[in-house]
N, C-alpha and C. Protein backbone atom coordinates (compact mmCIF):
# COMPACT_ATOMS: atom_id res chain seq x y z
N MET A 1 94.28 102.37 64.72
CA MET A 1 93.68 101.52 65.71
C MET A 1 93.85 102.19 67.08
N ALA A 2 92.78 102.26 67.87
CA ALA A 2 92.82 102.90 69.18
C ALA A 2 93.52 102.00 70.18
N ALA A 3 94.25 102.63 71.10
CA ALA A 3 94.91 101.88 72.16
C ALA A 3 93.87 101.38 73.15
N GLU A 4 94.08 100.16 73.64
CA GLU A 4 93.17 99.59 74.63
C GLU A 4 93.57 100.07 76.02
N ASN A 5 92.57 100.32 76.86
CA ASN A 5 92.85 100.61 78.25
C ASN A 5 93.10 99.29 78.97
N VAL A 6 94.25 99.15 79.55
CA VAL A 6 94.60 97.93 80.26
C VAL A 6 94.60 98.23 81.74
N THR A 7 93.82 97.49 82.49
CA THR A 7 93.78 97.64 83.93
C THR A 7 94.81 96.70 84.54
N VAL A 8 95.68 97.25 85.35
CA VAL A 8 96.70 96.46 86.00
C VAL A 8 96.25 96.19 87.43
N ALA A 9 96.31 94.95 87.84
CA ALA A 9 95.92 94.58 89.20
C ALA A 9 96.95 95.14 90.18
N ILE A 10 96.43 95.77 91.23
CA ILE A 10 97.27 96.31 92.29
C ILE A 10 96.92 95.58 93.57
N SER A 11 97.93 95.11 94.27
CA SER A 11 97.71 94.47 95.56
C SER A 11 98.48 95.25 96.63
N VAL A 12 98.03 95.10 97.87
CA VAL A 12 98.67 95.75 99.00
C VAL A 12 99.01 94.68 100.03
N ARG A 13 100.20 94.80 100.58
CA ARG A 13 100.66 93.83 101.58
C ARG A 13 101.66 94.50 102.52
N GLN A 14 102.00 93.79 103.58
CA GLN A 14 103.03 94.25 104.50
C GLN A 14 104.40 94.18 103.82
N HIS A 15 105.22 95.15 104.10
CA HIS A 15 106.60 95.20 103.62
C HIS A 15 107.40 94.04 104.21
N VAL A 16 108.31 93.51 103.41
CA VAL A 16 109.30 92.54 103.88
C VAL A 16 110.68 93.07 103.48
N SER A 17 111.71 92.56 104.12
CA SER A 17 113.05 93.11 103.89
C SER A 17 113.48 93.02 102.43
N ALA A 18 112.98 92.05 101.67
CA ALA A 18 113.33 91.94 100.26
C ALA A 18 112.82 93.14 99.45
N ASP A 19 111.92 93.93 100.02
CA ASP A 19 111.37 95.12 99.35
C ASP A 19 112.26 96.35 99.50
N ASN A 20 113.28 96.28 100.35
CA ASN A 20 114.02 97.49 100.72
C ASN A 20 114.65 98.23 99.55
N ALA A 21 115.21 97.54 98.59
CA ALA A 21 115.84 98.23 97.45
C ALA A 21 114.79 98.99 96.64
N ALA A 22 113.66 98.36 96.38
CA ALA A 22 112.59 99.04 95.64
C ALA A 22 112.03 100.22 96.43
N LEU A 23 111.89 100.05 97.74
CA LEU A 23 111.42 101.16 98.57
C LEU A 23 112.42 102.31 98.57
N ALA A 24 113.70 101.99 98.60
CA ALA A 24 114.72 103.05 98.58
C ALA A 24 114.57 103.90 97.32
N HIS A 25 114.30 103.27 96.18
CA HIS A 25 114.10 104.03 94.94
C HIS A 25 112.85 104.91 95.04
N LEU A 26 111.79 104.39 95.62
CA LEU A 26 110.58 105.20 95.78
C LEU A 26 110.81 106.35 96.77
N PHE A 27 111.59 106.10 97.82
CA PHE A 27 111.91 107.17 98.76
C PHE A 27 112.66 108.29 98.04
N GLU A 28 113.59 107.91 97.16
CA GLU A 28 114.33 108.92 96.39
C GLU A 28 113.38 109.70 95.49
N GLU A 29 112.42 109.02 94.86
CA GLU A 29 111.44 109.71 94.02
C GLU A 29 110.59 110.65 94.87
N MET A 30 110.20 110.20 96.06
CA MET A 30 109.40 111.04 96.95
C MET A 30 110.17 112.31 97.33
N GLN A 31 111.43 112.17 97.67
CA GLN A 31 112.23 113.34 98.07
C GLN A 31 112.37 114.32 96.90
N ARG A 32 112.56 113.80 95.67
CA ARG A 32 112.59 114.69 94.50
C ARG A 32 111.25 115.39 94.32
N HIS A 33 110.16 114.64 94.49
CA HIS A 33 108.82 115.20 94.34
C HIS A 33 108.61 116.38 95.29
N TYR A 34 109.05 116.22 96.53
CA TYR A 34 108.88 117.29 97.53
C TYR A 34 110.01 118.30 97.51
N ARG A 35 110.97 118.08 96.61
CA ARG A 35 112.11 118.99 96.46
C ARG A 35 112.87 119.20 97.78
N VAL A 36 113.16 118.06 98.41
CA VAL A 36 113.93 118.09 99.66
C VAL A 36 115.14 117.18 99.50
N PRO A 37 116.19 117.43 100.27
CA PRO A 37 117.40 116.60 100.17
C PRO A 37 117.10 115.14 100.51
N CYS A 38 117.90 114.27 99.94
CA CYS A 38 117.75 112.84 100.15
C CYS A 38 119.07 112.26 100.61
N PRO A 39 119.05 111.42 101.64
CA PRO A 39 120.30 110.77 102.04
C PRO A 39 120.75 109.78 100.95
N PRO A 40 121.99 109.35 101.01
CA PRO A 40 122.48 108.39 100.01
C PRO A 40 121.74 107.05 100.14
N PRO A 41 121.67 106.30 99.04
CA PRO A 41 120.95 105.02 99.06
C PRO A 41 121.38 104.07 100.18
N GLU A 42 122.67 104.03 100.46
CA GLU A 42 123.13 103.12 101.52
C GLU A 42 122.57 103.50 102.89
N THR A 43 122.35 104.79 103.12
CA THR A 43 121.74 105.24 104.39
C THR A 43 120.27 104.84 104.44
N ILE A 44 119.57 105.02 103.33
CA ILE A 44 118.16 104.62 103.27
C ILE A 44 118.04 103.12 103.53
N LEU A 45 118.88 102.34 102.89
CA LEU A 45 118.83 100.88 103.07
C LEU A 45 119.14 100.48 104.51
N ALA A 46 120.12 101.13 105.12
CA ALA A 46 120.46 100.83 106.52
C ALA A 46 119.29 101.19 107.44
N ASP A 47 118.65 102.33 107.17
CA ASP A 47 117.50 102.73 107.99
C ASP A 47 116.34 101.76 107.82
N LEU A 48 116.08 101.30 106.60
CA LEU A 48 115.01 100.33 106.38
C LEU A 48 115.31 99.00 107.07
N ALA A 49 116.57 98.63 107.11
CA ALA A 49 116.95 97.37 107.76
C ALA A 49 116.83 97.45 109.28
N GLY A 50 116.84 98.65 109.81
CA GLY A 50 116.77 98.82 111.26
C GLY A 50 115.61 99.68 111.71
N LEU A 51 114.43 99.44 111.16
CA LEU A 51 113.27 100.26 111.53
C LEU A 51 113.00 100.17 113.03
N PRO A 52 112.63 101.28 113.64
CA PRO A 52 112.30 101.26 115.07
C PRO A 52 111.06 100.39 115.33
N PRO A 53 110.95 99.85 116.53
CA PRO A 53 109.76 99.07 116.88
C PRO A 53 108.49 99.90 116.67
N GLY A 54 107.47 99.25 116.15
CA GLY A 54 106.18 99.92 115.95
C GLY A 54 105.99 100.54 114.58
N VAL A 55 107.07 100.67 113.79
CA VAL A 55 106.94 101.24 112.45
C VAL A 55 106.52 100.12 111.50
N GLU A 56 105.51 100.41 110.70
CA GLU A 56 105.03 99.44 109.72
C GLU A 56 104.95 100.09 108.36
N ILE A 57 105.23 99.30 107.34
CA ILE A 57 105.15 99.79 105.97
C ILE A 57 104.25 98.85 105.18
N LEU A 58 103.26 99.43 104.53
CA LEU A 58 102.44 98.70 103.57
C LEU A 58 102.94 99.08 102.19
N VAL A 59 102.99 98.12 101.28
CA VAL A 59 103.41 98.41 99.91
C VAL A 59 102.28 98.07 98.95
N ALA A 60 102.14 98.90 97.93
CA ALA A 60 101.23 98.64 96.82
C ALA A 60 102.09 98.17 95.67
N GLU A 61 101.64 97.11 95.00
CA GLU A 61 102.46 96.58 93.92
C GLU A 61 101.62 96.07 92.77
N THR A 62 102.26 96.10 91.62
CA THR A 62 101.76 95.45 90.41
C THR A 62 102.76 94.32 90.18
N ASP A 63 103.58 94.44 89.17
CA ASP A 63 104.72 93.53 89.02
C ASP A 63 105.93 94.06 89.77
N ARG A 64 105.78 95.25 90.34
CA ARG A 64 106.82 95.87 91.17
C ARG A 64 106.14 96.81 92.17
N ILE A 65 106.87 97.27 93.15
CA ILE A 65 106.32 98.16 94.17
C ILE A 65 106.12 99.55 93.56
N ILE A 66 104.90 100.07 93.71
CA ILE A 66 104.56 101.36 93.10
C ILE A 66 104.15 102.41 94.12
N GLY A 67 104.02 102.02 95.37
CA GLY A 67 103.63 102.98 96.39
C GLY A 67 103.78 102.38 97.77
N PHE A 68 103.65 103.24 98.78
CA PHE A 68 103.79 102.76 100.16
C PHE A 68 103.03 103.67 101.11
N ALA A 69 102.74 103.11 102.27
CA ALA A 69 102.19 103.85 103.40
C ALA A 69 103.01 103.44 104.61
N ILE A 70 103.48 104.43 105.35
CA ILE A 70 104.29 104.15 106.54
C ILE A 70 103.52 104.69 107.74
N CYS A 71 103.35 103.82 108.73
CA CYS A 71 102.59 104.22 109.91
C CYS A 71 103.24 103.65 111.17
N SER A 72 102.79 104.18 112.29
CA SER A 72 103.24 103.70 113.60
C SER A 72 102.02 103.62 114.51
N THR A 73 102.08 102.68 115.43
CA THR A 73 101.05 102.60 116.45
C THR A 73 101.26 103.76 117.43
N ILE A 74 100.15 104.40 117.80
CA ILE A 74 100.22 105.50 118.75
C ILE A 74 99.33 105.20 119.95
N TYR A 75 99.64 105.87 121.04
CA TYR A 75 98.83 105.79 122.25
C TYR A 75 99.09 107.06 123.03
N PRO A 76 98.14 107.67 123.66
CA PRO A 76 96.72 107.32 123.67
C PRO A 76 95.97 108.07 122.58
N GLY A 77 94.88 107.51 122.21
CA GLY A 77 93.94 108.16 121.31
C GLY A 77 92.65 108.40 122.07
N PRO A 78 91.58 108.71 121.35
CA PRO A 78 90.30 108.92 122.01
C PRO A 78 89.90 107.69 122.84
N GLY A 79 89.42 107.95 124.03
CA GLY A 79 89.02 106.84 124.90
C GLY A 79 90.20 106.03 125.40
N LEU A 80 91.39 106.62 125.33
CA LEU A 80 92.63 105.96 125.74
C LEU A 80 92.85 104.64 124.99
N ARG A 81 92.51 104.64 123.73
CA ARG A 81 92.72 103.48 122.87
C ARG A 81 93.92 103.72 121.97
N THR A 82 94.46 102.65 121.44
CA THR A 82 95.56 102.77 120.49
C THR A 82 95.03 103.22 119.14
N GLY A 83 95.95 103.63 118.29
CA GLY A 83 95.60 104.04 116.93
C GLY A 83 96.82 103.93 116.04
N PHE A 84 96.64 104.34 114.81
CA PHE A 84 97.74 104.43 113.86
C PHE A 84 97.97 105.89 113.54
N PHE A 85 99.22 106.25 113.34
CA PHE A 85 99.55 107.55 112.77
C PHE A 85 100.19 107.28 111.41
N LEU A 86 99.56 107.77 110.36
CA LEU A 86 100.08 107.62 109.00
C LEU A 86 101.09 108.73 108.77
N LYS A 87 102.35 108.37 108.63
CA LYS A 87 103.41 109.36 108.45
C LYS A 87 103.62 109.70 106.98
N GLU A 88 103.65 108.69 106.12
CA GLU A 88 103.90 108.91 104.70
C GLU A 88 102.96 108.05 103.86
N LEU A 89 102.45 108.65 102.81
CA LEU A 89 101.68 107.94 101.79
C LEU A 89 102.22 108.46 100.47
N PHE A 90 102.72 107.56 99.64
CA PHE A 90 103.33 107.99 98.38
C PHE A 90 103.07 106.94 97.31
N VAL A 91 102.72 107.42 96.13
CA VAL A 91 102.56 106.57 94.96
C VAL A 91 103.42 107.17 93.85
N SER A 92 104.15 106.32 93.18
CA SER A 92 105.02 106.75 92.09
C SER A 92 104.23 107.56 91.07
N GLN A 93 104.88 108.58 90.53
CA GLN A 93 104.25 109.47 89.54
C GLN A 93 103.58 108.68 88.42
N ALA A 94 104.23 107.64 87.96
CA ALA A 94 103.71 106.85 86.83
C ALA A 94 102.43 106.10 87.17
N HIS A 95 102.10 105.98 88.46
CA HIS A 95 100.92 105.21 88.87
C HIS A 95 99.89 106.03 89.63
N ARG A 96 100.05 107.35 89.63
CA ARG A 96 99.04 108.19 90.28
C ARG A 96 97.74 108.11 89.50
N GLY A 97 96.65 108.08 90.21
CA GLY A 97 95.35 107.95 89.57
C GLY A 97 94.95 106.50 89.33
N SER A 98 95.82 105.56 89.71
CA SER A 98 95.54 104.14 89.48
C SER A 98 94.69 103.53 90.58
N GLY A 99 94.52 104.25 91.68
CA GLY A 99 93.79 103.71 92.83
C GLY A 99 94.71 103.14 93.89
N ALA A 100 96.02 103.17 93.65
CA ALA A 100 96.96 102.59 94.61
C ALA A 100 96.90 103.30 95.97
N GLY A 101 96.80 104.62 95.97
CA GLY A 101 96.71 105.35 97.23
C GLY A 101 95.46 104.98 98.01
N ARG A 102 94.35 104.88 97.31
CA ARG A 102 93.09 104.48 97.96
C ARG A 102 93.22 103.08 98.55
N LEU A 103 93.83 102.15 97.80
CA LEU A 103 94.01 100.79 98.31
C LEU A 103 94.90 100.75 99.54
N LEU A 104 95.94 101.58 99.57
CA LEU A 104 96.81 101.65 100.74
C LEU A 104 96.04 102.15 101.96
N ILE A 105 95.25 103.20 101.79
CA ILE A 105 94.45 103.75 102.90
C ILE A 105 93.43 102.71 103.38
N GLN A 106 92.77 102.03 102.44
CA GLN A 106 91.79 101.01 102.82
C GLN A 106 92.44 99.87 103.60
N ALA A 107 93.63 99.44 103.16
CA ALA A 107 94.33 98.37 103.86
C ALA A 107 94.74 98.82 105.26
N LEU A 108 95.18 100.06 105.38
CA LEU A 108 95.55 100.61 106.68
C LEU A 108 94.32 100.65 107.60
N ALA A 109 93.20 101.10 107.08
CA ALA A 109 91.96 101.16 107.87
C ALA A 109 91.52 99.76 108.31
N ARG A 110 91.58 98.78 107.40
CA ARG A 110 91.21 97.40 107.75
C ARG A 110 92.11 96.87 108.87
N THR A 111 93.41 97.12 108.74
CA THR A 111 94.35 96.66 109.77
C THR A 111 94.04 97.31 111.10
N ALA A 112 93.74 98.60 111.08
CA ALA A 112 93.40 99.32 112.32
C ALA A 112 92.16 98.69 112.97
N LEU A 113 91.14 98.41 112.19
CA LEU A 113 89.92 97.79 112.73
C LEU A 113 90.20 96.40 113.29
N GLN A 114 90.98 95.61 112.55
CA GLN A 114 91.31 94.25 112.99
C GLN A 114 92.05 94.25 114.33
N ARG A 115 92.85 95.29 114.55
CA ARG A 115 93.64 95.37 115.78
C ARG A 115 92.90 96.10 116.91
N GLY A 116 91.71 96.59 116.63
CA GLY A 116 90.94 97.27 117.65
C GLY A 116 91.39 98.70 117.92
N HIS A 117 92.12 99.31 116.97
CA HIS A 117 92.55 100.69 117.13
C HIS A 117 91.34 101.62 117.08
N GLY A 118 91.43 102.72 117.81
CA GLY A 118 90.33 103.68 117.87
C GLY A 118 90.26 104.59 116.67
N ARG A 119 91.39 104.80 115.99
CA ARG A 119 91.38 105.70 114.84
C ARG A 119 92.70 105.65 114.08
N VAL A 120 92.69 106.30 112.92
CA VAL A 120 93.90 106.51 112.12
C VAL A 120 94.04 108.02 111.97
N ASP A 121 95.17 108.54 112.36
CA ASP A 121 95.46 109.97 112.24
C ASP A 121 96.48 110.20 111.15
N TRP A 122 96.33 111.32 110.44
CA TRP A 122 97.38 111.75 109.53
C TRP A 122 97.26 113.25 109.33
N ASP A 123 98.35 113.81 108.94
CA ASP A 123 98.43 115.24 108.70
C ASP A 123 99.02 115.39 107.31
N SER A 124 98.45 116.30 106.53
CA SER A 124 98.93 116.41 105.16
C SER A 124 98.69 117.81 104.61
N ARG A 125 99.51 118.15 103.64
CA ARG A 125 99.29 119.35 102.84
C ARG A 125 98.77 118.87 101.50
N TRP A 126 97.61 118.26 101.49
CA TRP A 126 97.04 117.68 100.27
C TRP A 126 96.77 118.72 99.22
N ARG A 127 96.93 118.27 98.02
CA ARG A 127 96.49 119.05 96.88
C ARG A 127 95.14 118.49 96.48
N LYS A 128 94.33 119.28 95.80
CA LYS A 128 92.97 118.86 95.48
C LYS A 128 92.86 117.48 94.83
N PRO A 129 93.66 117.14 93.81
CA PRO A 129 93.48 115.82 93.19
C PRO A 129 93.67 114.67 94.17
N ALA A 130 94.63 114.79 95.08
CA ALA A 130 94.86 113.73 96.05
C ALA A 130 93.72 113.65 97.05
N ALA A 131 93.28 114.80 97.55
CA ALA A 131 92.24 114.82 98.57
C ALA A 131 90.90 114.37 98.03
N ALA A 132 90.64 114.61 96.77
CA ALA A 132 89.32 114.31 96.20
C ALA A 132 88.96 112.84 96.33
N GLY A 133 89.92 111.95 96.30
CA GLY A 133 89.63 110.54 96.39
C GLY A 133 89.24 110.07 97.77
N PHE A 134 89.48 110.89 98.79
CA PHE A 134 89.22 110.46 100.16
C PHE A 134 88.09 111.23 100.81
N LEU A 135 87.75 112.39 100.27
CA LEU A 135 86.73 113.22 100.93
C LEU A 135 85.35 112.90 100.42
């Protein structure tokens, strides 16, 4: 008998402090993915509890958090308007290709438009599979 393809609903929302433990695990996965050192979990949790003003985190979730986008409001942008700078976009390895990254970018863009921001900036060393969904 062939396995059925099951589509899992993914939603995106603003981070709340109750998400910090799950985000800390994703941050650790991200650091392993990029092969860079990672601070201890207690440091990550302390940093999440004391985010600087202007830092926002969107989370993508199914029955648990599977990805995130971290951005900050910037000024000035074109026309001396505010904007967002997307610092990190990450989706857990197990959920890549699910559309979670696209949903995070779309939610970020909607929020930028709602707030009257002039643009969203980001810098990345994209690999082809990641970039293909946005270009």
